[in-house]
Amino acid sequence: MIKLTKLNGKVFAVNVWLIEQVEETPDTMITLNNGKKVIVKERMQEVILLCKEFYAHMHHGTHLEAKKDVSQ
């Protein structure tokens, strides 16, 4: 899962495996494979980077964000 921020400032986690599409309209809208849509503060490129880091962690056991989470 990755942490994102809704427009109201509330942080939530989304299951990366459920993301079907990410687009900027101009807000970043994430469409899940069940049809649900979520608008987030993060830019599309940031969401893509978080997803790439998640997949790298799953496939290679490395994840830069995990180091940040431990220190918080």
PDB file of N, CA and C in Angstrom:
ATOM      1  N   MET A   1       0.841  -1.177   0.000  1.00  0.00           N
ATOM      2  CA  MET A   1       0.000   0.000   0.000  1.00  0.00           C
ATOM      3  C   MET A   1       0.884   1.238   0.000  1.00  0.00           C
ATOM      4  N   ILE A   2       0.334   2.318  -0.552  1.00  0.00           N
ATOM      5  CA  ILE A   2       1.041   3.594  -0.535  1.00  0.00           C
ATOM      6  C   ILE A   2       0.155   4.627   0.166  1.00  0.00           C
ATOM      7  N   LYS A   3       0.813   5.602   0.823  1.00  0.00           N
ATOM      8  CA  LYS A   3       0.086   6.668   1.512  1.00  0.00           C
ATOM      9  C   LYS A   3      -0.088   7.850   0.580  1.00  0.00           C
ATOM     10  N   LEU A   4      -1.319   8.365   0.516  1.00  0.00           N
ATOM     11  CA  LEU A   4      -1.640   9.537  -0.287  1.00  0.00           C
ATOM     12  C   LEU A   4      -2.480  10.492   0.553  1.00  0.00           C
ATOM     13  N   THR A   5      -2.736  11.686   0.019  1.00  0.00           N
ATOM     14  CA  THR A   5      -3.470  12.709   0.750  1.00  0.00           C
ATOM     15  C   THR A   5      -4.694  13.151  -0.044  1.00  0.00           C
ATOM     16  N   LYS A   6      -5.872  13.055   0.580  1.00  0.00           N
ATOM     17  CA  LYS A   6      -7.094  13.555  -0.058  1.00  0.00           C
ATOM     18  C   LYS A   6      -7.052  15.077  -0.069  1.00  0.00           C
ATOM     19  N   LEU A   7      -7.915  15.685  -0.866  1.00  0.00           N
ATOM     20  CA  LEU A   7      -7.940  17.149  -0.965  1.00  0.00           C
ATOM     21  C   LEU A   7      -8.264  17.820   0.365  1.00  0.00           C
ATOM     22  N   ASN A   8      -8.972  17.116   1.265  1.00  0.00           N
ATOM     23  CA  ASN A   8      -9.298  17.688   2.576  1.00  0.00           C
ATOM     24  C   ASN A   8      -8.141  17.553   3.571  1.00  0.00           C
ATOM     25  N   GLY A   9      -7.000  17.009   3.120  1.00  0.00           N
ATOM     26  CA  GLY A   9      -5.817  16.880   3.962  1.00  0.00           C
ATOM     27  C   GLY A   9      -5.704  15.554   4.691  1.00  0.00           C
ATOM     28  N   LYS A  10      -6.710  14.721   4.595  1.00  0.00           N
ATOM     29  CA  LYS A  10      -6.694  13.437   5.285  1.00  0.00           C
ATOM     30  C   LYS A  10      -5.788  12.442   4.539  1.00  0.00           C
ATOM     31  N   VAL A  11      -4.865  11.840   5.284  1.00  0.00           N
ATOM     32  CA  VAL A  11      -3.947  10.850   4.711  1.00  0.00           C
ATOM     33  C   VAL A  11      -4.617   9.488   4.753  1.00  0.00           C
ATOM     34  N   PHE A  12      -4.451   8.732   3.671  1.00  0.00           N
ATOM     35  CA  PHE A  12      -5.020   7.390   3.604  1.00  0.00           C
ATOM     36  C   PHE A  12      -4.065   6.501   2.821  1.00  0.00           C
ATOM     37  N   ALA A  13      -4.294   5.214   2.887  1.00  0.00           N
ATOM     38  CA  ALA A  13      -3.462   4.252   2.153  1.00  0.00           C
ATOM     39  C   ALA A  13      -4.315   3.577   1.089  1.00  0.00           C
ATOM     40  N   VAL A  14      -3.725   3.378  -0.068  1.00  0.00           N
ATOM     41  CA  VAL A  14      -4.433   2.717  -1.161  1.00  0.00           C
ATOM     42  C   VAL A  14      -3.623   1.492  -1.587  1.00  0.00           C
ATOM     43  N   ASN A  15      -4.338   0.433  -1.904  1.00  0.00           N
ATOM     44  CA  ASN A  15      -3.717  -0.799  -2.375  1.00  0.00           C
ATOM     45  C   ASN A  15      -3.273  -0.587  -3.818  1.00  0.00           C
ATOM     46  N   VAL A  16      -1.971  -0.614  -4.047  1.00  0.00           N
ATOM     47  CA  VAL A  16      -1.407  -0.360  -5.369  1.00  0.00           C
ATOM     48  C   VAL A  16      -1.950  -1.344  -6.403  1.00  0.00           C
ATOM     49  N   TRP A  17      -2.206  -2.566  -5.993  1.00  0.00           N
ATOM     50  CA  TRP A  17      -2.685  -3.590  -6.920  1.00  0.00           C
ATOM     51  C   TRP A  17      -4.071  -3.256  -7.478  1.00  0.00           C
ATOM     52  N   LEU A  18      -4.805  -2.350  -6.809  1.00  0.00           N
ATOM     53  CA  LEU A  18      -6.156  -1.993  -7.256  1.00  0.00           C
ATOM     54  C   LEU A  18      -6.195  -0.778  -8.180  1.00  0.00           C
ATOM     55  N   ILE A  19      -5.052  -0.107  -8.369  1.00  0.00           N
ATOM     56  CA  ILE A  19      -5.028   1.089  -9.212  1.00  0.00           C
ATOM     57  C   ILE A  19      -5.083   0.683 -10.679  1.00  0.00           C
ATOM     58  N   GLU A  20      -6.082   1.235 -11.356  1.00  0.00           N
ATOM     59  CA  GLU A  20      -6.236   0.966 -12.788  1.00  0.00           C
ATOM     60  C   GLU A  20      -5.694   2.122 -13.624  1.00  0.00           C
ATOM     61  N   GLN A  21      -5.904   3.359 -13.123  1.00  0.00           N
ATOM     62  CA  GLN A  21      -5.537   4.523 -13.919  1.00  0.00           C
ATOM     63  C   GLN A  21      -5.261   5.710 -13.013  1.00  0.00           C
ATOM     64  N   VAL A  22      -4.293   6.543 -13.422  1.00  0.00           N
ATOM     65  CA  VAL A  22      -4.007   7.796 -12.726  1.00  0.00           C
ATOM     66  C   VAL A  22      -3.972   8.888 -13.788  1.00  0.00           C
ATOM     67  N   GLU A  23      -4.723   9.973 -13.540  1.00  0.00           N
ATOM     68  CA  GLU A  23      -4.738  11.068 -14.512  1.00  0.00           C
ATOM     69  C   GLU A  23      -4.819  12.404 -13.786  1.00  0.00           C
ATOM     70  N   GLU A  24      -4.352  13.456 -14.458  1.00  0.00           N
ATOM     71  CA  GLU A  24      -4.449  14.812 -13.918  1.00  0.00           C
ATOM     72  C   GLU A  24      -5.534  15.555 -14.698  1.00  0.00           C
ATOM     73  N   THR A  25      -6.520  16.097 -13.964  1.00  0.00           N
ATOM     74  CA  THR A  25      -7.688  16.670 -14.637  1.00  0.00           C
ATOM     75  C   THR A  25      -8.091  18.066 -14.168  1.00  0.00           C
ATOM     76  N   PRO A  26      -7.401  19.032 -13.676  1.00  0.00           N
ATOM     77  CA  PRO A  26      -5.983  19.079 -13.362  1.00  0.00           C
ATOM     78  C   PRO A  26      -5.625  18.413 -12.036  1.00  0.00           C
ATOM     79  N   ASP A  27      -6.607  18.172 -11.143  1.00  0.00           N
ATOM     80  CA  ASP A  27      -6.293  17.428  -9.919  1.00  0.00           C
ATOM     81  C   ASP A  27      -5.961  15.987 -10.299  1.00  0.00           C
ATOM     82  N   THR A  28      -5.198  15.330  -9.449  1.00  0.00           N
ATOM     83  CA  THR A  28      -4.829  13.947  -9.718  1.00  0.00           C
ATOM     84  C   THR A  28      -5.968  13.034  -9.293  1.00  0.00           C
ATOM     85  N   MET A  29      -6.503  12.297 -10.254  1.00  0.00           N
ATOM     86  CA  MET A  29      -7.610  11.380  -9.993  1.00  0.00           C
ATOM     87  C   MET A  29      -7.130   9.948 -10.222  1.00  0.00           C
ATOM     88  N   ILE A  30      -7.343   9.122  -9.191  1.00  0.00           N
ATOM     89  CA  ILE A  30      -6.980   7.709  -9.260  1.00  0.00           C
ATOM     90  C   ILE A  30      -8.261   6.912  -9.438  1.00  0.00           C
ATOM     91  N   THR A  31      -8.285   6.076 -10.466  1.00  0.00           N
ATOM     92  CA  THR A  31      -9.415   5.190 -10.693  1.00  0.00           C
ATOM     93  C   THR A  31      -8.986   3.784 -10.299  1.00  0.00           C
ATOM     94  N   LEU A  32      -9.756   3.163  -9.410  1.00  0.00           N
ATOM     95  CA  LEU A  32      -9.477   1.803  -8.975  1.00  0.00           C
ATOM     96  C   LEU A  32     -10.185   0.820  -9.904  1.00  0.00           C
ATOM     97  N   ASN A  33      -9.754  -0.441  -9.874  1.00  0.00           N
ATOM     98  CA  ASN A  33     -10.339  -1.426 -10.794  1.00  0.00           C
ATOM     99  C   ASN A  33     -11.791  -1.769 -10.463  1.00  0.00           C
ATOM    100  N   ASN A  34     -12.308  -1.284  -9.320  1.00  0.00           N
ATOM    101  CA  ASN A  34     -13.722  -1.482  -9.007  1.00  0.00           C
ATOM    102  C   ASN A  34     -14.572  -0.286  -9.444  1.00  0.00           C
ATOM    103  N   GLY A  35     -13.935   0.698 -10.124  1.00  0.00           N
ATOM    104  CA  GLY A  35     -14.631   1.866 -10.626  1.00  0.00           C
ATOM    105  C   GLY A  35     -14.607   3.063  -9.696  1.00  0.00           C
ATOM    106  N   LYS A  36     -14.219   2.869  -8.431  1.00  0.00           N
ATOM    107  CA  LYS A  36     -14.162   3.979  -7.475  1.00  0.00           C
ATOM    108  C   LYS A  36     -13.070   4.955  -7.893  1.00  0.00           C
ATOM    109  N   LYS A  37     -13.343   6.248  -7.732  1.00  0.00           N
ATOM    110  CA  LYS A  37     -12.373   7.292  -8.068  1.00  0.00           C
ATOM    111  C   LYS A  37     -12.020   8.078  -6.815  1.00  0.00           C
ATOM    112  N   VAL A  38     -10.737   8.421  -6.689  1.00  0.00           N
ATOM    113  CA  VAL A  38     -10.249   9.181  -5.544  1.00  0.00           C
ATOM    114  C   VAL A  38      -9.394  10.319  -6.083  1.00  0.00           C
ATOM    115  N   ILE A  39      -9.645  11.534  -5.603  1.00  0.00           N
ATOM    116  CA  ILE A  39      -8.831  12.681  -5.994  1.00  0.00           C
ATOM    117  C   ILE A  39      -7.843  12.956  -4.866  1.00  0.00           C
ATOM    118  N   VAL A  40      -6.567  13.113  -5.241  1.00  0.00           N
ATOM    119  CA  VAL A  40      -5.505  13.287  -4.249  1.00  0.00           C
ATOM    120  C   VAL A  40      -4.697  14.546  -4.529  1.00  0.00           C
ATOM    121  N   LYS A  41      -3.985  15.026  -3.491  1.00  0.00           N
ATOM    122  CA  LYS A  41      -3.149  16.221  -3.612  1.00  0.00           C
ATOM    123  C   LYS A  41      -1.870  15.948  -4.395  1.00  0.00           C
ATOM    124  N   GLU A  42      -1.340  14.733  -4.301  1.00  0.00           N
ATOM    125  CA  GLU A  42      -0.087  14.406  -4.966  1.00  0.00           C
ATOM    126  C   GLU A  42      -0.242  14.507  -6.485  1.00  0.00           C
ATOM    127  N   ARG A  43       0.810  14.933  -7.151  1.00  0.00           N
ATOM    128  CA  ARG A  43       0.816  15.004  -8.605  1.00  0.00           C
ATOM    129  C   ARG A  43       0.912  13.588  -9.176  1.00  0.00           C
ATOM    130  N   MET A  44       0.517  13.421 -10.416  1.00  0.00           N
ATOM    131  CA  MET A  44       0.525  12.109 -11.054  1.00  0.00           C
ATOM    132  C   MET A  44       1.921  11.480 -11.010  1.00  0.00           C
ATOM    133  N   GLN A  45       2.951  12.268 -11.296  1.00  0.00           N
ATOM    134  CA  GLN A  45       4.314  11.718 -11.296  1.00  0.00           C
ATOM    135  C   GLN A  45       4.705  11.182  -9.919  1.00  0.00           C
ATOM    136  N   GLU A  46       4.262  11.839  -8.861  1.00  0.00           N
ATOM    137  CA  GLU A  46       4.574  11.382  -7.504  1.00  0.00           C
ATOM    138  C   GLU A  46       3.867  10.053  -7.208  1.00  0.00           C
ATOM    139  N   VAL A  47       2.608   9.932  -7.638  1.00  0.00           N
ATOM    140  CA  VAL A  47       1.877   8.678  -7.446  1.00  0.00           C
ATOM    141  C   VAL A  47       2.578   7.550  -8.210  1.00  0.00           C
ATOM    142  N   ILE A  48       3.007   7.837  -9.423  1.00  0.00           N
ATOM    143  CA  ILE A  48       3.711   6.831 -10.224  1.00  0.00           C
ATOM    144  C   ILE A  48       5.001   6.417  -9.532  1.00  0.00           C
ATOM    145  N   LEU A  49       5.747   7.385  -9.000  1.00  0.00           N
ATOM    146  CA  LEU A  49       6.995   7.077  -8.298  1.00  0.00           C
ATOM    147  C   LEU A  49       6.730   6.212  -7.063  1.00  0.00           C
ATOM    148  N   LEU A  50       5.698   6.540  -6.296  1.00  0.00           N
ATOM    149  CA  LEU A  50       5.360   5.735  -5.118  1.00  0.00           C
ATOM    150  C   LEU A  50       4.998   4.306  -5.515  1.00  0.00           C
ATOM    151  N   CYS A  51       4.278   4.162  -6.619  1.00  0.00           N
ATOM    152  CA  CYS A  51       3.920   2.821  -7.102  1.00  0.00           C
ATOM    153  C   CYS A  51       5.173   2.055  -7.533  1.00  0.00           C
ATOM    154  N   LYS A  52       6.079   2.745  -8.230  1.00  0.00           N
ATOM    155  CA  LYS A  52       7.331   2.093  -8.654  1.00  0.00           C
ATOM    156  C   LYS A  52       8.143   1.637  -7.449  1.00  0.00           C
ATOM    157  N   GLU A  53       8.209   2.483  -6.412  1.00  0.00           N
ATOM    158  CA  GLU A  53       8.936   2.112  -5.195  1.00  0.00           C
ATOM    159  C   GLU A  53       8.286   0.905  -4.524  1.00  0.00           C
ATOM    160  N   PHE A  54       6.968   0.872  -4.515  1.00  0.00           N
ATOM    161  CA  PHE A  54       6.247  -0.257  -3.941  1.00  0.00           C
ATOM    162  C   PHE A  54       6.594  -1.545  -4.682  1.00  0.00           C
ATOM    163  N   TYR A  55       6.521  -1.493  -6.015  1.00  0.00           N
ATOM    164  CA  TYR A  55       6.824  -2.685  -6.809  1.00  0.00           C
ATOM    165  C   TYR A  55       8.285  -3.105  -6.656  1.00  0.00           C
ATOM    166  N   ALA A  56       9.201  -2.136  -6.559  1.00  0.00           N
ATOM    167  CA  ALA A  56      10.614  -2.463  -6.344  1.00  0.00           C
ATOM    168  C   ALA A  56      10.787  -3.194  -5.021  1.00  0.00           C
ATOM    169  N   HIS A  57      10.081  -2.726  -3.999  1.00  0.00           N
ATOM    170  CA  HIS A  57      10.148  -3.374  -2.693  1.00  0.00           C
ATOM    171  C   HIS A  57       9.616  -4.806  -2.775  1.00  0.00           C
ATOM    172  N   MET A  58       8.513  -4.987  -3.482  1.00  0.00           N
ATOM    173  CA  MET A  58       7.899  -6.312  -3.592  1.00  0.00           C
ATOM    174  C   MET A  58       8.787  -7.296  -4.354  1.00  0.00           C
ATOM    175  N   HIS A  59       9.473  -6.801  -5.372  1.00  0.00           N
ATOM    176  CA  HIS A  59      10.244  -7.691  -6.239  1.00  0.00           C
ATOM    177  C   HIS A  59      11.717  -7.798  -5.861  1.00  0.00           C
ATOM    178  N   HIS A  60      12.247  -6.778  -5.190  1.00  0.00           N
ATOM    179  CA  HIS A  60      13.679  -6.764  -4.891  1.00  0.00           C
ATOM    180  C   HIS A  60      14.002  -6.575  -3.415  1.00  0.00           C
ATOM    181  N   GLY A  61      12.996  -6.306  -2.609  1.00  0.00           N
ATOM    182  CA  GLY A  61      13.220  -6.142  -1.176  1.00  0.00           C
ATOM    183  C   GLY A  61      13.825  -4.800  -0.800  1.00  0.00           C
ATOM    184  N   THR A  62      13.784  -3.815  -1.713  1.00  0.00           N
ATOM    185  CA  THR A  62      14.319  -2.489  -1.398  1.00  0.00           C
ATOM    186  C   THR A  62      13.187  -1.477  -1.450  1.00  0.00           C
ATOM    187  N   HIS A  63      13.241  -0.514  -0.535  1.00  0.00           N
ATOM    188  CA  HIS A  63      12.190   0.497  -0.520  1.00  0.00           C
ATOM    189  C   HIS A  63      12.695   1.714   0.228  1.00  0.00           C
ATOM    190  N   LEU A  64      12.886   2.808  -0.461  1.00  0.00           N
ATOM    191  CA  LEU A  64      13.427   4.017   0.152  1.00  0.00           C
ATOM    192  C   LEU A  64      12.476   4.619   1.182  1.00  0.00           C
ATOM    193  N   GLU A  65      11.187   4.620   0.902  1.00  0.00           N
ATOM    194  CA  GLU A  65      10.192   5.238   1.780  1.00  0.00           C
ATOM    195  C   GLU A  65      10.133   4.557   3.138  1.00  0.00           C
ATOM    196  N   ALA A  66      10.416   3.261   3.193  1.00  0.00           N
ATOM    197  CA  ALA A  66      10.362   2.530   4.466  1.00  0.00           C
ATOM    198  C   ALA A  66      11.322   3.143   5.481  1.00  0.00           C
ATOM    199  N   LYS A  67      12.474   3.591   5.026  1.00  0.00           N
ATOM    200  CA  LYS A  67      13.441   4.224   5.925  1.00  0.00           C
ATOM    201  C   LYS A  67      12.856   5.499   6.526  1.00  0.00           C
ATOM    202  N   LYS A  68      12.125   6.270   5.731  1.00  0.00           N
ATOM    203  CA  LYS A  68      11.512   7.496   6.233  1.00  0.00           C
ATOM    204  C   LYS A  68      10.431   7.180   7.260  1.00  0.00           C
ATOM    205  N   ASP A  69       9.612   6.152   6.999  1.00  0.00           N
ATOM    206  CA  ASP A  69       8.520   5.798   7.898  1.00  0.00           C
ATOM    207  C   ASP A  69       9.035   5.352   9.266  1.00  0.00           C
ATOM    208  N   VAL A  70      10.153   4.635   9.302  1.00  0.00           N
ATOM    209  CA  VAL A  70      10.705   4.129  10.555  1.00  0.00           C
ATOM    210  C   VAL A  70      11.149   5.281  11.444  1.00  0.00           C
ATOM    211  N   SER A  71      11.691   6.346  10.862  1.00  0.00           N
ATOM    212  CA  SER A  71      12.219   7.439  11.663  1.00  0.00           C
ATOM    213  C   SER A  71      11.130   8.381  12.161  1.00  0.00           C
ATOM    214  N   GLN A  72       9.908   8.259  11.664  1.00  0.00           N
ATOM    215  CA  GLN A  72       8.840   9.175  12.077  1.00  0.00           C
ATOM    216  C   GLN A  72       8.189   8.738  13.353  1.00  0.00           C
TER     217      GLN A  72
END
